[in-house]
C-alpha atoms as a PDB file:
ATOM      1  CA  MET A   1      61.344 144.280 145.339  1.00  0.00           C
ATOM      2  CA  ALA A   2      61.628 147.825 143.994  1.00  0.00           C
ATOM      3  CA  SER A   3      63.713 146.439 141.142  1.00  0.00           C
ATOM      4  CA  ASP A   4      61.018 143.860 140.320  1.00  0.00           C
ATOM      5  CA  GLU A   5      58.348 146.582 140.299  1.00  0.00           C
ATOM      6  CA  ILE A   6      60.402 148.758 137.919  1.00  0.00           C
ATOM      7  CA  GLN A   7      60.876 145.826 135.544  1.00  0.00           C
ATOM      8  CA  ALA A   8      57.144 145.071 135.638  1.00  0.00           C
ATOM      9  CA  ARG A   9      56.320 148.691 134.798  1.00  0.00           C
ATOM     10  CA  CYS A  10      58.768 148.598 131.868  1.00  0.00           C
ATOM     11  CA  ARG A  11      57.144 145.439 130.528  1.00  0.00           C
ATOM     12  CA  ARG A  12      53.670 147.003 130.780  1.00  0.00           C
ATOM     13  CA  ARG A  13      54.882 150.150 128.987  1.00  0.00           C
ATOM     14  CA  ALA A  14      56.508 148.116 126.210  1.00  0.00           C
ATOM     15  CA  LEU A  15      53.313 146.099 125.760  1.00  0.00           C
ATOM     16  CA  ALA A  16      51.229 149.277 125.570  1.00  0.00           C
ATOM     17  CA  LEU A  17      53.548 150.735 122.927  1.00  0.00           C
ATOM     18  CA  ALA A  18      53.315 147.523 120.922  1.00  0.00           C
ATOM     19  CA  PHE A  19      49.494 147.748 120.923  1.00  0.00           C
ATOM     20  CA  VAL A  20      49.693 151.385 119.778  1.00  0.00           C
ATOM     21  CA  GLY A  21      52.030 150.386 116.952  1.00  0.00           C
ATOM     22  CA  LEU A  22      49.652 147.632 115.830  1.00  0.00           C
ATOM     23  CA  ALA A  23      46.719 150.020 115.889  1.00  0.00           C
ATOM     24  CA  LEU A  24      48.563 152.564 113.763  1.00  0.00           C
ATOM     25  CA  SER A  25      49.598 149.856 111.278  1.00  0.00           C
ATOM     26  CA  GLY A  26      45.983 148.804 110.972  1.00  0.00           C
ATOM     27  CA  CYS A  27      44.949 152.385 110.166  1.00  0.00           C
ATOM     28  CA  GLU A  28      47.528 152.627 107.380  1.00  0.00           C
ATOM     29  CA  ALA A  29      46.481 149.298 105.888  1.00  0.00           C
ATOM     30  CA  HIS A  30      42.865 150.457 105.645  1.00  0.00           C
ATOM     31  CA  THR A  31      43.515 153.884 104.101  1.00  0.00           C
ATOM     32  CA  LEU A  32      41.038 154.465 101.277  1.00  0.00           C
ATOM     33  CA  PRO A  33      42.437 153.712  97.803  1.00  0.00           C
ATOM     34  CA  GLY A  34      43.672 156.837  96.109  1.00  0.00           C
ATOM     35  CA  ALA A  35      44.178 158.798  99.325  1.00  0.00           C
ATOM     36  CA  GLY A  36      47.323 160.873  99.452  1.00  0.00           C
ATOM     37  CA  GLY A  37      49.328 162.166  96.494  1.00  0.00           C
ATOM     38  CA  ARG A  38      50.520 158.951  94.833  1.00  0.00           C
ATOM     39  CA  GLY A  39      47.604 158.284  92.513  1.00  0.00           C
ATOM     40  CA  ALA A  40      44.663 155.928  92.502  1.00  0.00           C
ATOM     41  CA  GLY A  41      44.596 152.558  94.169  1.00  0.00           C
ATOM     42  CA  ALA A  42      42.963 149.296  93.210  1.00  0.00           C
ATOM     43  CA  GLY A  43      39.579 150.511  94.453  1.00  0.00           C
ATOM     44  CA  SER A  44      39.401 153.516  92.120  1.00  0.00           C
ATOM     45  CA  SER A  45      37.102 153.574  89.114  1.00  0.00           C
ATOM     46  CA  VAL A  46      37.871 151.733  85.880  1.00  0.00           C
ATOM     47  CA  VAL A  47      38.332 154.228  83.038  1.00  0.00           C
ATOM     48  CA  GLY A  48      39.332 152.049  80.082  1.00  0.00           C
ATOM     49  CA  ARG A  49      41.333 149.206  78.571  1.00  0.00           C
ATOM     50  CA  LEU A  50      44.941 149.183  77.373  1.00  0.00           C
ATOM     51  CA  THR A  51      46.292 147.373  74.313  1.00  0.00           C
ATOM     52  CA  ALA A  52      49.900 147.631  73.095  1.00  0.00           C
ATOM     53  CA  THR A  53      51.836 146.377  70.091  1.00  0.00           C
ATOM     54  CA  ALA A  54      54.482 144.784  72.360  1.00  0.00           C
ATOM     55  CA  PRO A  55      54.927 143.989  76.063  1.00  0.00           C
ATOM     56  CA  ASP A  56      57.592 146.724  76.215  1.00  0.00           C
ATOM     57  CA  ILE A  57      55.192 148.974  78.107  1.00  0.00           C
ATOM     58  CA  ARG A  58      55.177 150.104  81.729  1.00  0.00           C
ATOM     59  CA  VAL A  59      52.044 150.439  83.829  1.00  0.00           C
ATOM     60  CA  GLU A  60      52.113 151.880  87.347  1.00  0.00           C
ATOM     61  CA  ARG A  61      49.315 151.999  89.905  1.00  0.00           C
ATOM     62  CA  SER A  62      49.794 153.945  93.150  1.00  0.00           C
ATOM     63  CA  GLY A  63      53.512 154.055  92.383  1.00  0.00           C
ATOM     64  CA  ASP A  64      53.847 150.280  91.983  1.00  0.00           C
ATOM     65  CA  PRO A  65      54.453 148.400  88.703  1.00  0.00           C
ATOM     66  CA  VAL A  66      51.557 146.374  87.284  1.00  0.00           C
ATOM     67  CA  SER A  67      52.138 143.525  84.818  1.00  0.00           C
ATOM     68  CA  TYR A  68      50.839 144.338  81.336  1.00  0.00           C
ATOM     69  CA  ALA A  69      48.263 142.076  79.674  1.00  0.00           C
ATOM     70  CA  PRO A  70      46.449 142.849  76.380  1.00  0.00           C
ATOM     71  CA  GLY A  71      43.092 144.472  77.080  1.00  0.00           C
ATOM     72  CA  MET A  72      43.916 145.048  80.753  1.00  0.00           C
ATOM     73  CA  LEU A  73      41.663 147.364  82.748  1.00  0.00           C
ATOM     74  CA  LEU A  74      42.999 150.810  83.629  1.00  0.00           C
ATOM     75  CA  ARG A  75      41.963 152.764  86.699  1.00  0.00           C
ATOM     76  CA  SER A  76      41.938 156.503  87.294  1.00  0.00           C
ATOM     77  CA  GLY A  77      45.450 157.585  88.231  1.00  0.00           C
ATOM     78  CA  ASP A  78      47.280 154.764  86.412  1.00  0.00           C
ATOM     79  CA  ARG A  79      50.447 155.788  84.557  1.00  0.00           C
ATOM     80  CA  ILE A  80      51.413 154.219  81.246  1.00  0.00           C
ATOM     81  CA  ARG A  81      54.702 154.531  79.372  1.00  0.00           C
ATOM     82  CA  THR A  82      55.376 153.091  75.905  1.00  0.00           C
ATOM     83  CA  GLY A  83      58.783 151.811  74.840  1.00  0.00           C
ATOM     84  CA  PRO A  84      60.874 153.195  71.945  1.00  0.00           C
ATOM     85  CA  ALA A  85      59.190 150.913  69.389  1.00  0.00           C
ATOM     86  CA  THR A  86      55.788 150.342  71.024  1.00  0.00           C
ATOM     87  CA  PHE A  87      52.413 151.913  70.196  1.00  0.00           C
ATOM     88  CA  ALA A  88      49.358 151.584  72.425  1.00  0.00           C
ATOM     89  CA  THR A  89      45.666 152.407  72.539  1.00  0.00           C
ATOM     90  CA  ILE A  90      43.462 153.254  75.470  1.00  0.00           C
ATOM     91  CA  ASP A  91      39.781 152.528  74.823  1.00  0.00           C
ATOM     92  CA  PHE A  92      37.911 154.571  77.389  1.00  0.00           C
ATOM     93  CA  THR A  93      34.629 153.520  78.933  1.00  0.00           C
ATOM     94  CA  ASP A  94      32.913 156.587  77.419  1.00  0.00           C
ATOM     95  CA  GLY A  95      33.534 155.202  73.910  1.00  0.00           C
ATOM     96  CA  ASN A  96      36.455 157.446  72.995  1.00  0.00           C
ATOM     97  CA  THR A  97      39.977 156.327  72.090  1.00  0.00           C
ATOM     98  CA  VAL A  98      43.509 157.599  72.614  1.00  0.00           C
ATOM     99  CA  TYR A  99      46.488 156.316  70.639  1.00  0.00           C
ATOM    100  CA  MET A 100      49.903 156.603  72.286  1.00  0.00           C
ATOM    101  CA  ASN A 101      52.974 157.128  70.106  1.00  0.00           C
ATOM    102  CA  THR A 102      56.286 155.461  70.911  1.00  0.00           C
ATOM    103  CA  GLY A 103      58.179 156.909  73.877  1.00  0.00           C
ATOM    104  CA  THR A 104      55.064 158.457  75.434  1.00  0.00           C
ATOM    105  CA  TRP A 105      54.188 158.749  79.120  1.00  0.00           C
ATOM    106  CA  VAL A 106      50.653 159.549  80.327  1.00  0.00           C
ATOM    107  CA  MET A 107      48.341 159.343  83.318  1.00  0.00           C
ATOM    108  CA  VAL A 108      44.690 158.417  82.867  1.00  0.00           C
ATOM    109  CA  GLY A 109      41.506 159.861  84.299  1.00  0.00           C
ATOM    110  CA  SER A 110      41.397 162.998  82.257  1.00  0.00           C
ATOM    111  CA  ILE A 111      44.496 162.204  80.264  1.00  0.00           C
ATOM    112  CA  ARG A 112      47.674 163.966  81.317  1.00  0.00           C
ATOM    113  CA  VAL A 113      50.666 163.800  78.988  1.00  0.00           C
ATOM    114  CA  PHE A 114      54.050 164.032  80.698  1.00  0.00           C
ATOM    115  CA  LEU A 115      56.138 163.273  77.609  1.00  0.00           C
ATOM    116  CA  GLY A 116      55.589 162.240  74.004  1.00  0.00           C
ATOM    117  CA  GLU A 117      52.525 162.361  71.757  1.00  0.00           C
ATOM    118  CA  ILE A 118      48.931 161.161  71.737  1.00  0.00           C
ATOM    119  CA  PHE A 119      46.168 161.093  69.148  1.00  0.00           C
ATOM    120  CA  THR A 120      42.679 161.621  70.529  1.00  0.00           C
ATOM    121  CA  ALA A 121      39.540 160.513  68.690  1.00  0.00           C
ATOM    122  CA  ILE A 122      36.275 161.813  70.157  1.00  0.00           C
ATOM    123  CA  ILE A 123      33.709 159.663  68.350  1.00  0.00           C
ATOM    124  CA  ARG A 124      30.697 159.530  70.642  1.00  0.00           C
ATOM    125  CA  ALA A 125      28.124 162.200  69.836  1.00  0.00           C
ATOM    126  CA  GLY A 126      27.996 164.864  72.509  1.00  0.00           C
ATOM    127  CA  ALA A 127      31.141 163.639  74.237  1.00  0.00           C
ATOM    128  CA  SER A 128      33.633 166.163  75.556  1.00  0.00           C
ATOM    129  CA  TRP A 129      37.275 165.547  76.323  1.00  0.00           C
ATOM    130  CA  GLU A 130      40.258 167.250  77.874  1.00  0.00           C
ATOM    131  CA  ALA A 131      43.942 166.396  77.617  1.00  0.00           C
ATOM    132  CA  TYR A 132      46.561 168.439  79.404  1.00  0.00           C
ATOM    133  CA  THR A 133      50.271 168.973  79.987  1.00  0.00           C
ATOM    134  CA  ASN A 134      52.302 171.247  82.246  1.00  0.00           C
ATOM    135  CA  ASP A 135      51.744 174.021  79.677  1.00  0.00           C
ATOM    136  CA  LEU A 136      48.115 173.875  78.595  1.00  0.00           C
ATOM    137  CA  SER A 137      44.872 171.932  78.326  1.00  0.00           C
ATOM    138  CA  ALA A 138      43.158 171.001  75.060  1.00  0.00           C
ATOM    139  CA  ALA A 139      39.384 170.586  75.356  1.00  0.00           C
ATOM    140  CA  ALA A 140      37.318 169.233  72.502  1.00  0.00           C
ATOM    141  CA  ALA A 141      33.944 167.809  71.530  1.00  0.00           C
ATOM    142  CA  GLY A 142      33.544 165.563  68.473  1.00  0.00           C
ATOM    143  CA  THR A 143      37.036 165.947  67.072  1.00  0.00           C
ATOM    144  CA  GLN A 144      40.410 164.389  66.303  1.00  0.00           C
ATOM    145  CA  PHE A 145      43.659 166.004  67.371  1.00  0.00           C
ATOM    146  CA  LEU A 146      47.308 165.396  68.215  1.00  0.00           C
ATOM    147  CA  LEU A 147      48.977 166.625  71.391  1.00  0.00           C
ATOM    148  CA  ARG A 148      52.749 166.414  71.785  1.00  0.00           C
ATOM    149  CA  THR A 149      54.884 167.645  74.694  1.00  0.00           C
ATOM    150  CA  ASP A 150      58.564 167.698  75.642  1.00  0.00           C
ATOM    151  CA  PRO A 151      60.712 169.930  77.885  1.00  0.00           C
ATOM    152  CA  ARG A 152      60.502 172.754  75.321  1.00  0.00           C
ATOM    153  CA  GLY A 153      56.704 172.996  75.348  1.00  0.00           C
ATOM    154  CA  THR A 154      53.477 171.597  73.923  1.00  0.00           C
ATOM    155  CA  THR A 155      52.094 171.358  70.365  1.00  0.00           C
ATOM    156  CA  VAL A 156      48.417 170.849  69.506  1.00  0.00           C
ATOM    157  CA  THR A 157      47.417 169.873  65.948  1.00  0.00           C
ATOM    158  CA  VAL A 158      43.742 169.626  64.974  1.00  0.00           C
ATOM    159  CA  ILE A 159      42.849 167.042  62.327  1.00  0.00           C
ATOM    160  CA  ASP A 160      39.094 167.451  62.463  1.00  0.00           C
ATOM    161  CA  GLY A 161      36.708 169.570  64.521  1.00  0.00           C
ATOM    162  CA  ARG A 162      37.604 172.277  67.026  1.00  0.00           C
ATOM    163  CA  VAL A 163      39.886 172.325  70.072  1.00  0.00           C
ATOM    164  CA  ARG A 164      39.952 175.015  72.747  1.00  0.00           C
ATOM    165  CA  CYS A 165      43.429 175.634  74.158  1.00  0.00           C
ATOM    166  CA  THR A 166      43.868 177.087  77.645  1.00  0.00           C
ATOM    167  CA  PRO A 167      47.113 177.782  79.527  1.00  0.00           C
ATOM    168  CA  THR A 168      47.590 176.120  82.881  1.00  0.00           C
ATOM    169  CA  SER A 169      46.948 178.141  86.032  1.00  0.00           C
ATOM    170  CA  GLY A 170      48.873 181.405  85.990  1.00  0.00           C
ATOM    171  CA  GLY A 171      49.361 181.310  82.215  1.00  0.00           C
ATOM    172  CA  ALA A 172      50.185 184.506  80.363  1.00  0.00           C
ATOM    173  CA  TRP A 173      47.764 184.151  77.415  1.00  0.00           C
ATOM    174  CA  ARG A 174      44.023 183.953  76.872  1.00  0.00           C
ATOM    175  CA  PRO A 175      42.191 180.747  75.854  1.00  0.00           C
ATOM    176  CA  PHE A 176      41.268 180.398  72.184  1.00  0.00           C
ATOM    177  CA  THR A 177      39.983 177.794  69.704  1.00  0.00           C
ATOM    178  CA  ILE A 178      41.783 176.248  66.726  1.00  0.00           C
ATOM    179  CA  THR A 179      40.209 174.249  63.909  1.00  0.00           C
ATOM    180  CA  ALA A 180      41.100 171.561  61.353  1.00  0.00           C
ATOM    181  CA  ASN A 181      44.588 171.794  59.830  1.00  0.00           C
ATOM    182  CA  GLN A 182      45.718 174.358  62.385  1.00  0.00           C
ATOM    183  CA  GLN A 183      48.505 173.998  64.930  1.00  0.00           C
ATOM    184  CA  ILE A 184      49.890 175.917  67.905  1.00  0.00           C
ATOM    185  CA  SER A 185      53.064 175.427  69.921  1.00  0.00           C
ATOM    186  CA  GLY A 186      53.949 177.018  73.221  1.00  0.00           C
ATOM    187  CA  THR A 187      54.387 176.984  76.948  1.00  0.00           C
ATOM    188  CA  VAL A 188      52.405 178.365  79.851  1.00  0.00           C
ATOM    189  CA  ARG A 189      54.122 181.732  79.199  1.00  0.00           C
ATOM    190  CA  ALA A 190      53.646 182.182  75.433  1.00  0.00           C
ATOM    191  CA  TYR A 191      52.638 180.410  72.221  1.00  0.00           C
ATOM    192  CA  SER A 192      53.075 180.686  68.448  1.00  0.00           C
ATOM    193  CA  GLY A 193      50.337 180.169  65.864  1.00  0.00           C
ATOM    194  CA  PRO A 194      47.760 179.220  64.886  1.00  0.00           C
ATOM    195  CA  ARG A 195      49.508 178.212  61.680  1.00  0.00           C
ATOM    196  CA  PRO A 196      48.228 176.069  58.780  1.00  0.00           C
ATOM    197  CA  VAL A 197      49.564 172.494  58.633  1.00  0.00           C
ATOM    198  CA  ASP A 198      48.944 169.191  56.892  1.00  0.00           C
ATOM    199  CA  ALA A 199      47.414 167.620  59.986  1.00  0.00           C
ATOM    200  CA  ARG A 200      46.967 164.145  58.518  1.00  0.00           C
ATOM    201  CA  GLY A 201      50.548 164.211  57.349  1.00  0.00           C
ATOM    202  CA  ALA A 202      51.577 164.888  60.935  1.00  0.00           C
ATOM    203  CA  ALA A 203      49.470 161.929  62.057  1.00  0.00           C
ATOM    204  CA  LEU A 204      50.928 159.206  59.806  1.00  0.00           C
ATOM    205  CA  TRP A 205      52.169 157.356  62.887  1.00  0.00           C
ATOM    206  CA  VAL A 206      48.551 156.853  63.948  1.00  0.00           C
ATOM    207  CA  GLU A 207      47.814 154.747  60.859  1.00  0.00           C
ATOM    208  CA  GLU A 208      50.959 152.712  61.497  1.00  0.00           C
ATOM    209  CA  ALA A 209      49.833 152.162  65.083  1.00  0.00           C
ATOM    210  CA  ALA A 210      46.356 151.064  63.921  1.00  0.00           C
ATOM    211  CA  ARG A 211      47.885 148.618  61.426  1.00  0.00           C
ATOM    212  CA  ARG A 212      50.169 147.058  64.030  1.00  0.00           C
ATOM    213  CA  LEU A 213      47.297 146.850  66.519  1.00  0.00           C
ATOM    214  CA  LYS A 214      45.182 145.129  63.829  1.00  0.00           C
ATOM    215  CA  ARG A 215      42.567 147.866  63.855  1.00  0.00           C
ATOM    216  CA  ALA A 216      40.667 149.558  61.062  1.00  0.00           C
ATOM    217  CA  PRO A 217      42.439 152.505  59.406  1.00  0.00           C
ATOM    218  CA  VAL A 218      41.681 155.615  61.425  1.00  0.00           C
ATOM    219  CA  PHE A 219      41.254 158.250  58.737  1.00  0.00           C
ATOM    220  CA  ARG A 220      39.213 156.246  56.249  1.00  0.00           C
ATOM    221  CA  GLN A 221      36.272 156.411  58.594  1.00  0.00           C
ATOM    222  CA  PRO A 222      33.723 159.203  58.080  1.00  0.00           C
ATOM    223  CA  GLN A 223      34.861 162.403  59.702  1.00  0.00           C
ATOM    224  CA  ILE A 224      32.791 164.166  62.333  1.00  0.00           C
ATOM    225  CA  LYS A 225      31.124 167.338  61.199  1.00  0.00           C
END
């Protein structure tokens, strides 16, 4: 009889543990989208639409791959990576546009560039924008600029308007503003410039991207003053 009682207690304990396990699983399944450090989930806000010149483009949401479709909605925290011969545009809900060069990897919300180059066109009056890398942030209002980053550092090139450059937290230099046809390059520790450049010459890839995406030429449109 003692043996039967012990077995009954073991069965009750096992059943209780099973209920606890089910309860914990239910809590994990109902975690709010975007909680934790892996990015935004399906319930996060829509920030724009993605269009690419080829399906050779990777989209990740909360660490999981998402199938690409032309004009697909992007949510805050999504990561996008273009292939070696693929351009893309992100048309944001605020009316502004980012072009992605080939071999570029970004995260959307405020746009973070992990690798490669973007062209940012701030076209809506009064709109402000910030793009950032591990080295610096580039904040602008009513402007067009390029931002390129790789393991050596970050380069900002202003085509039109003004861009304020600020090192990331703990940076060793003070924020400052650069204007049209100026460029800086640097890291969080130091930078060189501003130096004069042919900014539109540096942005020839943007016109090629617009042509392949069947969009109007970018730099024939009236510039923002």
